[in-house]
Amino acid sequence: MTDKTAEKPEPTGWLVLIYRVPPEPTRLRSTVWRRIKSLGAIYLQNSAAALPASAATERALRKLRREIIDMSGTAILLSCDVLVGESDVRSAFQAARNDEYEEIVDKCEDFLHQVQKEYTASHFTYAELEENEVDLVKLRNWFAKVRDRDVFGADGRQAVEKALETCDQSLEAYAARVYAEETES
């Protein structure tokens, strides 16, 4: 696998979205929170989220700002450098990526348990194989999204790569068994 973090220049500066949404209905706040989470932003404090500056993150935050305003809220998007505390902001951003990586590793373990369950139940069908393939593709896509926003190279990435490789091997072995069962029928 190529090391995408080595290919990308390290971002300079941060984008900070400071916003306020109406207290009711509460779904508006949760919608904004979910969008901010999905972008990989970190909260500096309540209603102040930050992302490393890039053209893509600026587009995403400008779009979110417009949505907040459409909700009758207020939002300001700032481009800034951290004068003091840059290492704290980076550490928080890295911790958020490592949390995501850890969650993916956990889901990889669930995947491996699911494949093992198929062996235990002797479910060697194409339908089960296809379902497991879809699950592995979802894990890989999730990893790609997290890796893309991991602009500083969090150390949890290697554990995910190893876990996904183990999942690949497990699925290949399961597929071989499904094909063997088919030939015997």
N, C-alpha and C. Protein backbone atom coordinates (compact mmCIF):
# COMPACT_ATOMS: atom_id res chain seq x y z
N MET A 1 0.83 -1.18 0.00
CA MET A 1 0.00 0.00 0.00
C MET A 1 0.88 1.24 0.00
N THR A 2 0.47 2.25 -0.73
CA THR A 2 1.25 3.48 -0.74
C THR A 2 0.89 4.32 0.47
N ASP A 3 1.85 5.10 0.90
CA ASP A 3 1.63 5.95 2.07
C ASP A 3 1.12 7.30 1.60
N LYS A 4 -0.21 7.45 1.61
CA LYS A 4 -0.83 8.67 1.11
C LYS A 4 -0.45 9.90 1.93
N THR A 5 -0.18 9.72 3.22
CA THR A 5 0.16 10.88 4.03
C THR A 5 1.49 11.46 3.59
N ALA A 6 2.39 10.63 3.04
CA ALA A 6 3.67 11.14 2.58
C ALA A 6 3.51 11.93 1.29
N GLU A 7 2.47 11.62 0.53
CA GLU A 7 2.23 12.30 -0.74
C GLU A 7 1.60 13.69 -0.55
N LYS A 8 0.90 13.89 0.53
CA LYS A 8 0.19 15.15 0.75
C LYS A 8 1.07 16.12 1.53
N PRO A 9 1.07 17.38 1.11
CA PRO A 9 1.78 18.35 1.93
C PRO A 9 1.00 18.57 3.23
N GLU A 10 1.73 18.83 4.29
CA GLU A 10 1.07 19.07 5.57
C GLU A 10 0.32 20.39 5.50
N PRO A 11 -0.91 20.43 6.02
CA PRO A 11 -1.70 21.66 5.93
C PRO A 11 -1.07 22.79 6.74
N THR A 12 -1.29 23.97 6.25
CA THR A 12 -0.86 25.14 7.00
C THR A 12 -2.11 25.90 7.40
N GLY A 13 -2.32 26.03 8.66
CA GLY A 13 -3.47 26.76 9.15
C GLY A 13 -4.68 25.88 9.38
N TRP A 14 -5.67 26.52 9.94
CA TRP A 14 -6.91 25.83 10.32
C TRP A 14 -8.11 26.62 9.85
N LEU A 15 -9.20 25.93 9.65
CA LEU A 15 -10.50 26.55 9.41
C LEU A 15 -11.33 26.30 10.66
N VAL A 16 -11.96 27.36 11.14
CA VAL A 16 -12.76 27.26 12.36
C VAL A 16 -14.17 27.73 12.04
N LEU A 17 -15.13 26.88 12.32
CA LEU A 17 -16.54 27.21 12.16
C LEU A 17 -17.12 27.47 13.54
N ILE A 18 -17.60 28.70 13.72
CA ILE A 18 -18.27 29.07 14.97
C ILE A 18 -19.73 29.28 14.62
N TYR A 19 -20.60 28.57 15.32
CA TYR A 19 -22.00 28.59 14.90
C TYR A 19 -22.94 28.58 16.10
N ARG A 20 -24.18 28.88 15.79
CA ARG A 20 -25.27 28.76 16.76
C ARG A 20 -26.50 28.33 15.98
N VAL A 21 -27.16 27.29 16.50
CA VAL A 21 -28.41 26.84 15.88
C VAL A 21 -29.53 27.03 16.89
N PRO A 22 -30.75 27.20 16.40
CA PRO A 22 -31.88 27.36 17.34
C PRO A 22 -31.99 26.14 18.26
N PRO A 23 -32.40 26.34 19.51
CA PRO A 23 -32.50 25.23 20.45
C PRO A 23 -33.59 24.21 20.07
N GLU A 24 -34.59 24.64 19.36
CA GLU A 24 -35.67 23.74 18.94
C GLU A 24 -35.86 23.86 17.44
N PRO A 25 -36.13 22.81 16.75
CA PRO A 25 -36.13 21.43 17.21
C PRO A 25 -34.70 20.93 17.43
N THR A 26 -34.55 20.00 18.33
CA THR A 26 -33.22 19.50 18.70
C THR A 26 -32.54 18.76 17.55
N ARG A 27 -33.30 18.29 16.59
CA ARG A 27 -32.71 17.57 15.46
C ARG A 27 -31.75 18.46 14.68
N LEU A 28 -31.96 19.78 14.73
CA LEU A 28 -31.07 20.68 14.01
C LEU A 28 -29.65 20.61 14.59
N ARG A 29 -29.57 20.65 15.91
CA ARG A 29 -28.25 20.55 16.56
C ARG A 29 -27.59 19.22 16.25
N SER A 30 -28.36 18.14 16.31
CA SER A 30 -27.77 16.83 16.05
C SER A 30 -27.36 16.69 14.59
N THR A 31 -28.10 17.31 13.68
CA THR A 31 -27.73 17.29 12.27
C THR A 31 -26.38 17.97 12.06
N VAL A 32 -26.22 19.13 12.67
CA VAL A 32 -24.95 19.86 12.54
C VAL A 32 -23.83 19.06 13.19
N TRP A 33 -24.07 18.50 14.36
CA TRP A 33 -23.05 17.71 15.05
C TRP A 33 -22.60 16.53 14.19
N ARG A 34 -23.57 15.81 13.59
CA ARG A 34 -23.23 14.66 12.75
C ARG A 34 -22.41 15.08 11.53
N ARG A 35 -22.78 16.20 10.93
CA ARG A 35 -22.03 16.68 9.76
C ARG A 35 -20.61 17.05 10.14
N ILE A 36 -20.45 17.72 11.27
CA ILE A 36 -19.11 18.11 11.72
C ILE A 36 -18.29 16.86 12.01
N LYS A 37 -18.89 15.87 12.66
CA LYS A 37 -18.21 14.61 12.95
C LYS A 37 -17.79 13.91 11.65
N SER A 38 -18.70 13.89 10.67
CA SER A 38 -18.41 13.19 9.42
C SER A 38 -17.27 13.86 8.65
N LEU A 39 -17.05 15.12 8.86
CA LEU A 39 -15.94 15.82 8.22
C LEU A 39 -14.62 15.56 8.94
N GLY A 40 -14.70 15.05 10.17
CA GLY A 40 -13.50 14.79 10.94
C GLY A 40 -13.03 15.98 11.76
N ALA A 41 -13.89 16.98 11.89
CA ALA A 41 -13.52 18.17 12.66
C ALA A 41 -13.47 17.85 14.15
N ILE A 42 -12.73 18.67 14.86
CA ILE A 42 -12.67 18.56 16.31
C ILE A 42 -13.33 19.81 16.89
N TYR A 43 -13.90 19.65 18.06
CA TYR A 43 -14.48 20.80 18.75
C TYR A 43 -13.42 21.43 19.63
N LEU A 44 -13.23 22.72 19.44
CA LEU A 44 -12.33 23.49 20.30
C LEU A 44 -13.06 23.85 21.59
N GLN A 45 -14.34 24.07 21.45
CA GLN A 45 -15.26 24.28 22.56
C GLN A 45 -16.66 24.18 21.97
N ASN A 46 -17.69 24.37 22.77
CA ASN A 46 -19.06 24.26 22.25
C ASN A 46 -19.25 25.18 21.05
N SER A 47 -19.79 24.62 19.99
CA SER A 47 -20.14 25.36 18.78
C SER A 47 -18.95 26.02 18.09
N ALA A 48 -17.76 25.50 18.29
CA ALA A 48 -16.56 25.97 17.59
C ALA A 48 -15.76 24.75 17.16
N ALA A 49 -15.83 24.44 15.86
CA ALA A 49 -15.18 23.25 15.33
C ALA A 49 -14.04 23.65 14.40
N ALA A 50 -12.98 22.84 14.39
CA ALA A 50 -11.80 23.15 13.59
C ALA A 50 -11.39 21.97 12.71
N LEU A 51 -10.88 22.32 11.55
CA LEU A 51 -10.31 21.35 10.61
C LEU A 51 -9.03 21.94 10.02
N PRO A 52 -8.05 21.10 9.69
CA PRO A 52 -6.89 21.63 8.97
C PRO A 52 -7.35 22.25 7.66
N ALA A 53 -6.76 23.36 7.29
CA ALA A 53 -7.18 24.10 6.10
C ALA A 53 -6.81 23.34 4.82
N SER A 54 -7.76 23.25 3.93
CA SER A 54 -7.55 22.74 2.57
C SER A 54 -8.74 23.23 1.74
N ALA A 55 -8.60 23.15 0.43
CA ALA A 55 -9.70 23.59 -0.44
C ALA A 55 -10.95 22.73 -0.19
N ALA A 56 -10.76 21.43 0.00
CA ALA A 56 -11.90 20.53 0.21
C ALA A 56 -12.60 20.81 1.53
N THR A 57 -11.83 21.02 2.61
CA THR A 57 -12.47 21.30 3.89
C THR A 57 -13.14 22.65 3.88
N GLU A 58 -12.56 23.60 3.16
CA GLU A 58 -13.21 24.91 3.07
C GLU A 58 -14.55 24.80 2.36
N ARG A 59 -14.59 24.05 1.26
CA ARG A 59 -15.88 23.86 0.55
C ARG A 59 -16.90 23.21 1.47
N ALA A 60 -16.48 22.17 2.17
CA ALA A 60 -17.41 21.44 3.05
C ALA A 60 -17.92 22.34 4.17
N LEU A 61 -17.05 23.14 4.77
CA LEU A 61 -17.47 24.02 5.86
C LEU A 61 -18.31 25.19 5.35
N ARG A 62 -18.01 25.69 4.16
CA ARG A 62 -18.86 26.74 3.57
C ARG A 62 -20.27 26.21 3.34
N LYS A 63 -20.35 24.97 2.85
CA LYS A 63 -21.67 24.35 2.62
C LYS A 63 -22.41 24.18 3.94
N LEU A 64 -21.71 23.69 4.97
CA LEU A 64 -22.33 23.52 6.27
C LEU A 64 -22.77 24.86 6.84
N ARG A 65 -21.95 25.89 6.68
CA ARG A 65 -22.32 27.23 7.14
C ARG A 65 -23.64 27.67 6.50
N ARG A 66 -23.77 27.45 5.20
CA ARG A 66 -25.00 27.82 4.48
C ARG A 66 -26.19 27.04 5.05
N GLU A 67 -26.01 25.75 5.33
CA GLU A 67 -27.09 24.94 5.89
C GLU A 67 -27.49 25.44 7.27
N ILE A 68 -26.53 25.84 8.08
CA ILE A 68 -26.83 26.37 9.42
C ILE A 68 -27.64 27.66 9.29
N ILE A 69 -27.25 28.52 8.38
CA ILE A 69 -27.99 29.77 8.17
C ILE A 69 -29.40 29.47 7.68
N ASP A 70 -29.53 28.47 6.81
CA ASP A 70 -30.86 28.06 6.33
C ASP A 70 -31.73 27.51 7.46
N MET A 71 -31.11 27.05 8.56
CA MET A 71 -31.84 26.56 9.73
C MET A 71 -32.20 27.71 10.67
N SER A 72 -32.00 28.93 10.22
CA SER A 72 -32.21 30.14 11.04
C SER A 72 -31.16 30.25 12.14
N GLY A 73 -29.99 29.70 11.87
CA GLY A 73 -28.89 29.82 12.81
C GLY A 73 -27.91 30.88 12.34
N THR A 74 -26.79 30.98 13.03
CA THR A 74 -25.72 31.87 12.62
C THR A 74 -24.43 31.06 12.54
N ALA A 75 -23.55 31.46 11.63
CA ALA A 75 -22.29 30.75 11.48
C ALA A 75 -21.25 31.67 10.85
N ILE A 76 -20.05 31.55 11.37
CA ILE A 76 -18.92 32.30 10.83
C ILE A 76 -17.82 31.28 10.57
N LEU A 77 -17.20 31.39 9.41
CA LEU A 77 -16.09 30.51 9.06
C LEU A 77 -14.82 31.34 9.03
N LEU A 78 -13.85 30.93 9.85
CA LEU A 78 -12.59 31.66 9.96
C LEU A 78 -11.44 30.81 9.45
N SER A 79 -10.48 31.46 8.84
CA SER A 79 -9.22 30.83 8.48
C SER A 79 -8.18 31.42 9.42
N CYS A 80 -7.41 30.54 10.09
CA CYS A 80 -6.50 31.08 11.10
C CYS A 80 -5.28 30.20 11.31
N ASP A 81 -4.30 30.79 11.96
CA ASP A 81 -3.15 30.07 12.47
C ASP A 81 -3.32 30.04 13.98
N VAL A 82 -2.81 28.99 14.61
CA VAL A 82 -2.86 28.92 16.06
C VAL A 82 -1.62 29.64 16.59
N LEU A 83 -1.84 30.65 17.40
CA LEU A 83 -0.71 31.40 17.94
C LEU A 83 -0.05 30.64 19.09
N VAL A 84 -0.85 30.10 19.96
CA VAL A 84 -0.35 29.33 21.09
C VAL A 84 -1.26 28.11 21.24
N GLY A 85 -0.68 26.97 21.47
CA GLY A 85 -1.48 25.76 21.67
C GLY A 85 -1.66 24.91 20.43
N GLU A 86 -0.87 25.15 19.40
CA GLU A 86 -0.97 24.36 18.16
C GLU A 86 -0.81 22.87 18.45
N SER A 87 0.11 22.51 19.32
CA SER A 87 0.32 21.09 19.61
C SER A 87 -0.90 20.48 20.28
N ASP A 88 -1.62 21.27 21.07
CA ASP A 88 -2.85 20.76 21.69
C ASP A 88 -3.93 20.50 20.65
N VAL A 89 -4.05 21.42 19.69
CA VAL A 89 -5.05 21.27 18.64
C VAL A 89 -4.70 20.06 17.77
N ARG A 90 -3.44 19.93 17.40
CA ARG A 90 -3.01 18.78 16.60
C ARG A 90 -3.23 17.48 17.37
N SER A 91 -2.91 17.50 18.65
CA SER A 91 -3.09 16.29 19.47
C SER A 91 -4.55 15.89 19.52
N ALA A 92 -5.44 16.86 19.66
CA ALA A 92 -6.87 16.56 19.68
C ALA A 92 -7.31 15.99 18.33
N PHE A 93 -6.79 16.56 17.25
CA PHE A 93 -7.13 16.07 15.92
C PHE A 93 -6.61 14.64 15.74
N GLN A 94 -5.37 14.39 16.18
CA GLN A 94 -4.80 13.04 16.09
C GLN A 94 -5.57 12.05 16.95
N ALA A 95 -5.95 12.47 18.13
CA ALA A 95 -6.72 11.59 19.02
C ALA A 95 -8.06 11.21 18.36
N ALA A 96 -8.67 12.17 17.69
CA ALA A 96 -9.94 11.89 17.00
C ALA A 96 -9.73 10.86 15.89
N ARG A 97 -8.64 10.99 15.13
CA ARG A 97 -8.36 10.00 14.07
C ARG A 97 -8.05 8.64 14.69
N ASN A 98 -7.27 8.61 15.76
CA ASN A 98 -6.96 7.33 16.40
C ASN A 98 -8.22 6.67 16.95
N ASP A 99 -9.15 7.47 17.47
CA ASP A 99 -10.43 6.90 17.93
C ASP A 99 -11.18 6.26 16.77
N GLU A 100 -11.17 6.94 15.62
CA GLU A 100 -11.83 6.37 14.44
C GLU A 100 -11.13 5.10 13.99
N TYR A 101 -9.81 5.12 13.97
CA TYR A 101 -9.06 3.93 13.59
C TYR A 101 -9.37 2.77 14.54
N GLU A 102 -9.42 3.06 15.82
CA GLU A 102 -9.72 2.02 16.81
C GLU A 102 -11.10 1.43 16.58
N GLU A 103 -12.04 2.28 16.23
CA GLU A 103 -13.40 1.80 15.96
C GLU A 103 -13.42 0.88 14.74
N ILE A 104 -12.63 1.22 13.73
CA ILE A 104 -12.56 0.36 12.54
C ILE A 104 -11.95 -0.99 12.90
N VAL A 105 -10.89 -0.98 13.71
CA VAL A 105 -10.28 -2.24 14.15
C VAL A 105 -11.32 -3.08 14.90
N ASP A 106 -12.11 -2.46 15.75
CA ASP A 106 -13.17 -3.18 16.46
C ASP A 106 -14.16 -3.81 15.48
N LYS A 107 -14.53 -3.06 14.46
CA LYS A 107 -15.47 -3.58 13.46
C LYS A 107 -14.83 -4.70 12.64
N CYS A 108 -13.51 -4.62 12.43
CA CYS A 108 -12.81 -5.71 11.75
C CYS A 108 -12.88 -6.98 12.60
N GLU A 109 -12.73 -6.84 13.90
CA GLU A 109 -12.85 -8.00 14.80
C GLU A 109 -14.26 -8.57 14.72
N ASP A 110 -15.28 -7.70 14.67
CA ASP A 110 -16.66 -8.17 14.50
C ASP A 110 -16.80 -8.94 13.18
N PHE A 111 -16.18 -8.41 12.14
CA PHE A 111 -16.22 -9.07 10.83
C PHE A 111 -15.62 -10.48 10.92
N LEU A 112 -14.47 -10.58 11.56
CA LEU A 112 -13.81 -11.89 11.70
C LEU A 112 -14.67 -12.87 12.50
N HIS A 113 -15.34 -12.37 13.53
CA HIS A 113 -16.25 -13.22 14.32
C HIS A 113 -17.43 -13.68 13.45
N GLN A 114 -17.91 -12.79 12.59
CA GLN A 114 -19.02 -13.15 11.71
C GLN A 114 -18.61 -14.25 10.74
N VAL A 115 -17.43 -14.12 10.18
CA VAL A 115 -16.95 -15.17 9.26
C VAL A 115 -16.78 -16.49 10.01
N GLN A 116 -16.24 -16.42 11.22
CA GLN A 116 -16.07 -17.63 12.03
C GLN A 116 -17.43 -18.26 12.34
N LYS A 117 -18.42 -17.41 12.57
CA LYS A 117 -19.77 -17.90 12.84
C LYS A 117 -20.32 -18.67 11.64
N GLU A 118 -19.97 -18.22 10.44
CA GLU A 118 -20.40 -18.93 9.23
C GLU A 118 -19.79 -20.33 9.20
N TYR A 119 -18.51 -20.43 9.60
CA TYR A 119 -17.86 -21.74 9.66
C TYR A 119 -18.56 -22.62 10.69
N THR A 120 -18.81 -22.08 11.87
CA THR A 120 -19.43 -22.85 12.95
C THR A 120 -20.80 -23.36 12.53
N ALA A 121 -21.56 -22.54 11.82
CA ALA A 121 -22.91 -22.93 11.39
C ALA A 121 -22.89 -23.67 10.05
N SER A 122 -21.72 -23.86 9.47
CA SER A 122 -21.59 -24.51 8.15
C SER A 122 -22.43 -23.81 7.08
N HIS A 123 -22.39 -22.49 7.09
CA HIS A 123 -23.07 -21.69 6.07
C HIS A 123 -22.06 -21.32 5.00
N PHE A 124 -21.94 -22.16 4.00
CA PHE A 124 -20.99 -21.92 2.93
C PHE A 124 -21.75 -21.67 1.63
N THR A 125 -22.41 -20.53 1.57
CA THR A 125 -23.24 -20.19 0.42
C THR A 125 -22.73 -18.90 -0.24
N TYR A 126 -23.09 -18.76 -1.49
CA TYR A 126 -22.72 -17.53 -2.21
C TYR A 126 -23.38 -16.31 -1.58
N ALA A 127 -24.58 -16.47 -1.07
CA ALA A 127 -25.28 -15.35 -0.44
C ALA A 127 -24.50 -14.86 0.78
N GLU A 128 -24.04 -15.79 1.61
CA GLU A 128 -23.26 -15.41 2.78
C GLU A 128 -21.93 -14.78 2.37
N LEU A 129 -21.30 -15.35 1.36
CA LEU A 129 -20.04 -14.81 0.85
C LEU A 129 -20.23 -13.38 0.35
N GLU A 130 -21.29 -13.17 -0.41
CA GLU A 130 -21.56 -11.83 -0.94
C GLU A 130 -21.82 -10.84 0.19
N GLU A 131 -22.57 -11.26 1.18
CA GLU A 131 -22.85 -10.38 2.32
C GLU A 131 -21.55 -9.99 3.05
N ASN A 132 -20.67 -10.96 3.23
CA ASN A 132 -19.39 -10.66 3.89
C ASN A 132 -18.51 -9.78 3.02
N GLU A 133 -18.54 -9.99 1.71
CA GLU A 133 -17.78 -9.12 0.80
C GLU A 133 -18.25 -7.68 0.89
N VAL A 134 -19.57 -7.50 0.94
CA VAL A 134 -20.14 -6.15 1.06
C VAL A 134 -19.68 -5.50 2.37
N ASP A 135 -19.70 -6.28 3.45
CA ASP A 135 -19.26 -5.75 4.75
C ASP A 135 -17.80 -5.32 4.71
N LEU A 136 -16.96 -6.11 4.04
CA LEU A 136 -15.54 -5.76 3.96
C LEU A 136 -15.33 -4.52 3.10
N VAL A 137 -16.08 -4.38 2.04
CA VAL A 137 -16.00 -3.16 1.21
C VAL A 137 -16.38 -1.93 2.04
N LYS A 138 -17.40 -2.06 2.87
CA LYS A 138 -17.81 -0.95 3.73
C LYS A 138 -16.68 -0.56 4.69
N LEU A 139 -16.02 -1.57 5.26
CA LEU A 139 -14.89 -1.30 6.16
C LEU A 139 -13.77 -0.59 5.41
N ARG A 140 -13.47 -1.04 4.21
CA ARG A 140 -12.41 -0.42 3.41
C ARG A 140 -12.77 1.03 3.04
N ASN A 141 -14.02 1.26 2.67
CA ASN A 141 -14.45 2.62 2.33
C ASN A 141 -14.37 3.54 3.54
N TRP A 142 -14.77 3.04 4.69
CA TRP A 142 -14.70 3.81 5.93
C TRP A 142 -13.24 4.17 6.22
N PHE A 143 -12.36 3.18 6.10
CA PHE A 143 -10.94 3.42 6.32
C PHE A 143 -10.41 4.48 5.36
N ALA A 144 -10.81 4.42 4.10
CA ALA A 144 -10.35 5.39 3.10
C ALA A 144 -10.77 6.81 3.50
N LYS A 145 -11.99 6.96 4.00
CA LYS A 145 -12.45 8.30 4.43
C LYS A 145 -11.62 8.81 5.60
N VAL A 146 -11.38 7.95 6.57
CA VAL A 146 -10.60 8.38 7.74
C VAL A 146 -9.16 8.67 7.32
N ARG A 147 -8.59 7.80 6.51
CA ARG A 147 -7.22 8.00 6.05
C ARG A 147 -7.08 9.32 5.29
N ASP A 148 -8.08 9.65 4.47
CA ASP A 148 -8.03 10.90 3.71
C ASP A 148 -8.01 12.13 4.60
N ARG A 149 -8.70 12.07 5.73
CA ARG A 149 -8.70 13.24 6.61
C ARG A 149 -7.60 13.18 7.68
N ASP A 150 -6.83 12.10 7.67
CA ASP A 150 -5.72 11.95 8.61
C ASP A 150 -4.47 12.64 8.04
N VAL A 151 -4.51 13.94 7.99
CA VAL A 151 -3.46 14.71 7.33
C VAL A 151 -2.14 14.75 8.10
N PHE A 152 -2.16 14.38 9.37
CA PHE A 152 -0.92 14.41 10.15
C PHE A 152 -0.36 13.02 10.42
N GLY A 153 -1.00 11.97 9.91
CA GLY A 153 -0.48 10.61 10.05
C GLY A 153 -0.60 10.02 11.45
N ALA A 154 -1.82 9.85 11.92
CA ALA A 154 -2.05 9.24 13.24
C ALA A 154 -1.49 7.82 13.27
N ASP A 155 -1.02 7.42 14.43
CA ASP A 155 -0.35 6.12 14.52
C ASP A 155 -1.30 4.93 14.52
N GLY A 156 -2.59 5.14 14.62
CA GLY A 156 -3.55 4.04 14.60
C GLY A 156 -3.77 3.45 13.21
N ARG A 157 -3.27 4.12 12.20
CA ARG A 157 -3.51 3.68 10.82
C ARG A 157 -2.94 2.28 10.55
N GLN A 158 -1.74 2.00 11.06
CA GLN A 158 -1.11 0.71 10.79
C GLN A 158 -1.93 -0.44 11.35
N ALA A 159 -2.55 -0.25 12.51
CA ALA A 159 -3.37 -1.31 13.11
C ALA A 159 -4.57 -1.63 12.20
N VAL A 160 -5.14 -0.60 11.58
CA VAL A 160 -6.27 -0.82 10.68
C VAL A 160 -5.81 -1.57 9.43
N GLU A 161 -4.69 -1.15 8.88
CA GLU A 161 -4.18 -1.83 7.69
C GLU A 161 -3.95 -3.31 7.97
N LYS A 162 -3.39 -3.62 9.14
CA LYS A 162 -3.14 -5.01 9.51
C LYS A 162 -4.47 -5.76 9.71
N ALA A 163 -5.43 -5.11 10.39
CA ALA A 163 -6.74 -5.74 10.63
C ALA A 163 -7.47 -6.01 9.31
N LEU A 164 -7.41 -5.06 8.38
CA LEU A 164 -8.07 -5.26 7.09
C LEU A 164 -7.39 -6.38 6.30
N GLU A 165 -6.08 -6.48 6.40
CA GLU A 165 -5.37 -7.58 5.73
C GLU A 165 -5.82 -8.92 6.31
N THR A 166 -5.98 -8.99 7.62
CA THR A 166 -6.47 -10.22 8.27
C THR A 166 -7.88 -10.53 7.79
N CYS A 167 -8.72 -9.51 7.66
CA CYS A 167 -10.09 -9.70 7.15
C CYS A 167 -10.06 -10.23 5.72
N ASP A 168 -9.17 -9.65 4.89
CA ASP A 168 -9.03 -10.13 3.51
C ASP A 168 -8.68 -11.61 3.47
N GLN A 169 -7.70 -11.99 4.28
CA GLN A 169 -7.26 -13.39 4.32
C GLN A 169 -8.38 -14.30 4.78
N SER A 170 -9.12 -13.87 5.78
CA SER A 170 -10.23 -14.67 6.30
C SER A 170 -11.31 -14.84 5.24
N LEU A 171 -11.62 -13.75 4.54
CA LEU A 171 -12.65 -13.82 3.50
C LEU A 171 -12.20 -14.71 2.34
N GLU A 172 -10.92 -14.63 1.97
CA GLU A 172 -10.40 -15.48 0.90
C GLU A 172 -10.51 -16.95 1.28
N ALA A 173 -10.18 -17.28 2.52
CA ALA A 173 -10.29 -18.67 2.98
C ALA A 173 -11.75 -19.12 2.98
N TYR A 174 -12.64 -18.22 3.42
CA TYR A 174 -14.07 -18.55 3.42
C TYR A 174 -14.56 -18.75 1.98
N ALA A 175 -14.14 -17.89 1.07
CA ALA A 175 -14.55 -18.00 -0.33
C ALA A 175 -14.08 -19.34 -0.91
N ALA A 176 -12.85 -19.73 -0.59
CA ALA A 176 -12.34 -21.01 -1.08
C ALA A 176 -13.21 -22.16 -0.58
N ARG A 177 -13.66 -22.06 0.67
CA ARG A 177 -14.53 -23.11 1.23
C ARG A 177 -15.89 -23.11 0.53
N VAL A 178 -16.44 -21.92 0.26
CA VAL A 178 -17.71 -21.83 -0.45
C VAL A 178 -17.57 -22.48 -1.83
N TYR A 179 -16.49 -22.18 -2.54
CA TYR A 179 -16.27 -22.76 -3.87
C TYR A 179 -16.09 -24.27 -3.79
N ALA A 180 -15.40 -24.73 -2.76
CA ALA A 180 -15.21 -26.17 -2.59
C ALA A 180 -16.54 -26.87 -2.32
N GLU A 181 -17.37 -26.26 -1.50
CA GLU A 181 -18.69 -26.83 -1.22
C GLU A 181 -19.54 -26.89 -2.47
N GLU A 182 -19.41 -25.88 -3.33
CA GLU A 182 -20.18 -25.83 -4.57
C GLU A 182 -19.76 -26.97 -5.49
N THR A 183 -18.47 -27.22 -5.57
CA THR A 183 -17.98 -28.29 -6.46
C THR A 183 -18.42 -29.66 -5.99
N GLU A 184 -18.55 -29.80 -4.68
CA GLU A 184 -18.97 -31.10 -4.13
C GLU A 184 -20.46 -31.34 -4.33
N SER A 185 -21.24 -30.27 -4.55
CA SER A 185 -22.69 -30.47 -4.68
C SER A 185 -23.06 -31.00 -6.03
